[in-house]
């Protein structure tokens, strides 16, 4: 999957996060804003990176603004932002479900 343009998913409500993806030439870079970054920042970045890799995304600039989201929410928001940024609407729910749980 290729990131074609900027797109985001999520809210700034408690227990949620926003994920914004932008095109990049190489690699995945993540800028994280979170009040719990010291405790969970590495975990949040790992979940975002792993989710993007499972979607076949090798290059993206990612901005994450976390408000205490659980891993399942991080995955879901990352998937939605990726599909929006790639202009894809053909979600493979069976495949996604096999690795999101």
Protein backbone atom coordinates (compact mmCIF):
# COMPACT_ATOMS: atom_id res chain seq x y z
CA UNK A 1 0.00 0.00 0.00
CA UNK A 2 1.33 3.45 -0.91
CA UNK A 3 0.56 6.65 0.99
CA UNK A 4 -0.63 9.11 -1.67
CA UNK A 5 -1.61 12.13 0.42
CA UNK A 6 -2.10 13.28 3.99
CA UNK A 7 -4.97 11.70 5.92
CA UNK A 8 -5.93 11.25 9.54
CA UNK A 9 -8.20 9.26 11.81
CA UNK A 10 -9.28 9.56 15.42
CA UNK A 11 -10.29 12.21 17.92
CA UNK A 12 -8.75 14.08 20.82
CA UNK A 13 -11.22 12.60 23.29
CA UNK A 14 -9.97 10.78 26.37
CA UNK A 15 -8.83 7.19 25.62
CA UNK A 16 -8.46 7.94 21.90
CA UNK A 17 -5.75 9.31 19.64
CA UNK A 18 -5.29 10.93 16.26
CA UNK A 19 -3.05 9.37 13.65
CA UNK A 20 -1.98 11.47 10.68
CA UNK A 21 -0.08 9.90 7.79
CA UNK A 22 1.83 11.77 5.11
CA UNK A 23 3.83 10.51 2.15
CA UNK A 24 7.56 9.99 2.64
CA UNK A 25 10.37 8.88 0.36
CA UNK A 26 11.78 6.17 2.63
CA UNK A 27 11.18 4.62 6.03
CA UNK A 28 8.61 5.23 8.72
CA UNK A 29 9.15 8.18 11.03
CA UNK A 30 6.84 8.80 13.97
CA UNK A 31 6.34 12.00 15.95
CA UNK A 32 4.45 11.22 19.16
CA UNK A 33 2.68 13.63 21.49
CA UNK A 34 1.37 11.95 24.64
CA UNK A 35 1.16 12.66 28.34
CA UNK A 36 2.17 9.03 28.91
CA UNK A 37 5.04 9.00 26.40
CA UNK A 38 7.62 8.16 29.06
CA UNK A 39 5.73 5.05 30.13
CA UNK A 40 4.12 3.93 26.86
CA UNK A 41 5.74 5.89 24.02
CA UNK A 42 7.86 3.01 22.77
CA UNK A 43 4.85 0.68 22.83
CA UNK A 44 2.67 3.14 20.89
CA UNK A 45 5.37 3.60 18.25
CA UNK A 46 5.88 -0.17 17.98
CA UNK A 47 2.15 -0.77 17.45
CA UNK A 48 1.94 1.94 14.77
CA UNK A 49 5.06 0.63 12.99
CA UNK A 50 3.92 -3.01 13.11
CA UNK A 51 0.46 -2.10 11.82
CA UNK A 52 1.89 -0.11 8.90
CA UNK A 53 4.26 -2.94 8.06
CA UNK A 54 1.40 -5.45 8.01
CA UNK A 55 -0.37 -3.17 5.55
CA UNK A 56 2.73 -3.19 3.36
CA UNK A 57 3.59 0.46 3.98
CA UNK A 58 7.32 1.05 3.86
CA UNK A 59 7.43 4.86 3.72
CA UNK A 60 5.35 7.30 5.76
CA UNK A 61 5.63 10.27 8.07
CA UNK A 62 3.34 9.68 11.04
CA UNK A 63 2.06 12.11 13.65
CA UNK A 64 0.37 10.60 16.68
CA UNK A 65 -1.43 12.62 19.34
CA UNK A 66 -2.35 10.16 22.09
CA UNK A 67 -4.91 10.70 24.82
CA UNK A 68 -4.50 7.34 26.57
CA UNK A 69 -5.58 4.95 23.82
CA UNK A 70 -5.30 1.18 24.15
CA UNK A 71 -3.31 -0.84 21.61
CA UNK A 72 -6.46 -1.96 19.79
CA UNK A 73 -7.45 1.68 19.27
CA UNK A 74 -3.94 2.56 18.06
CA UNK A 75 -4.18 -0.26 15.49
CA UNK A 76 -7.68 0.71 14.35
CA UNK A 77 -6.86 4.40 13.92
CA UNK A 78 -3.64 3.57 12.08
CA UNK A 79 -5.47 1.23 9.68
CA UNK A 80 -8.16 3.81 8.91
CA UNK A 81 -5.64 6.62 8.37
CA UNK A 82 -3.59 4.36 6.07
CA UNK A 83 -6.56 3.37 3.94
CA UNK A 84 -7.68 6.99 3.67
CA UNK A 85 -4.15 8.16 2.74
CA UNK A 86 -3.90 5.46 0.08
CA UNK A 87 -7.40 6.17 -1.32
CA UNK A 88 -8.38 2.56 -0.69
CA UNK A 89 -11.86 1.43 0.26
CA UNK A 90 -11.48 -2.31 -0.20
CA UNK A 91 -10.82 -3.28 3.42
CA UNK A 92 -9.82 -6.94 3.73
CA UNK A 93 -11.63 -7.48 7.03
CA UNK A 94 -10.71 -11.14 7.37
CA UNK A 95 -7.01 -10.40 6.94
CA UNK A 96 -7.13 -7.37 9.25
CA UNK A 97 -9.06 -9.30 11.88
CA UNK A 98 -6.51 -12.12 11.81
CA UNK A 99 -3.72 -9.85 13.07
CA UNK A 100 -5.56 -7.11 14.95
CA UNK A 101 -6.67 -9.33 17.82
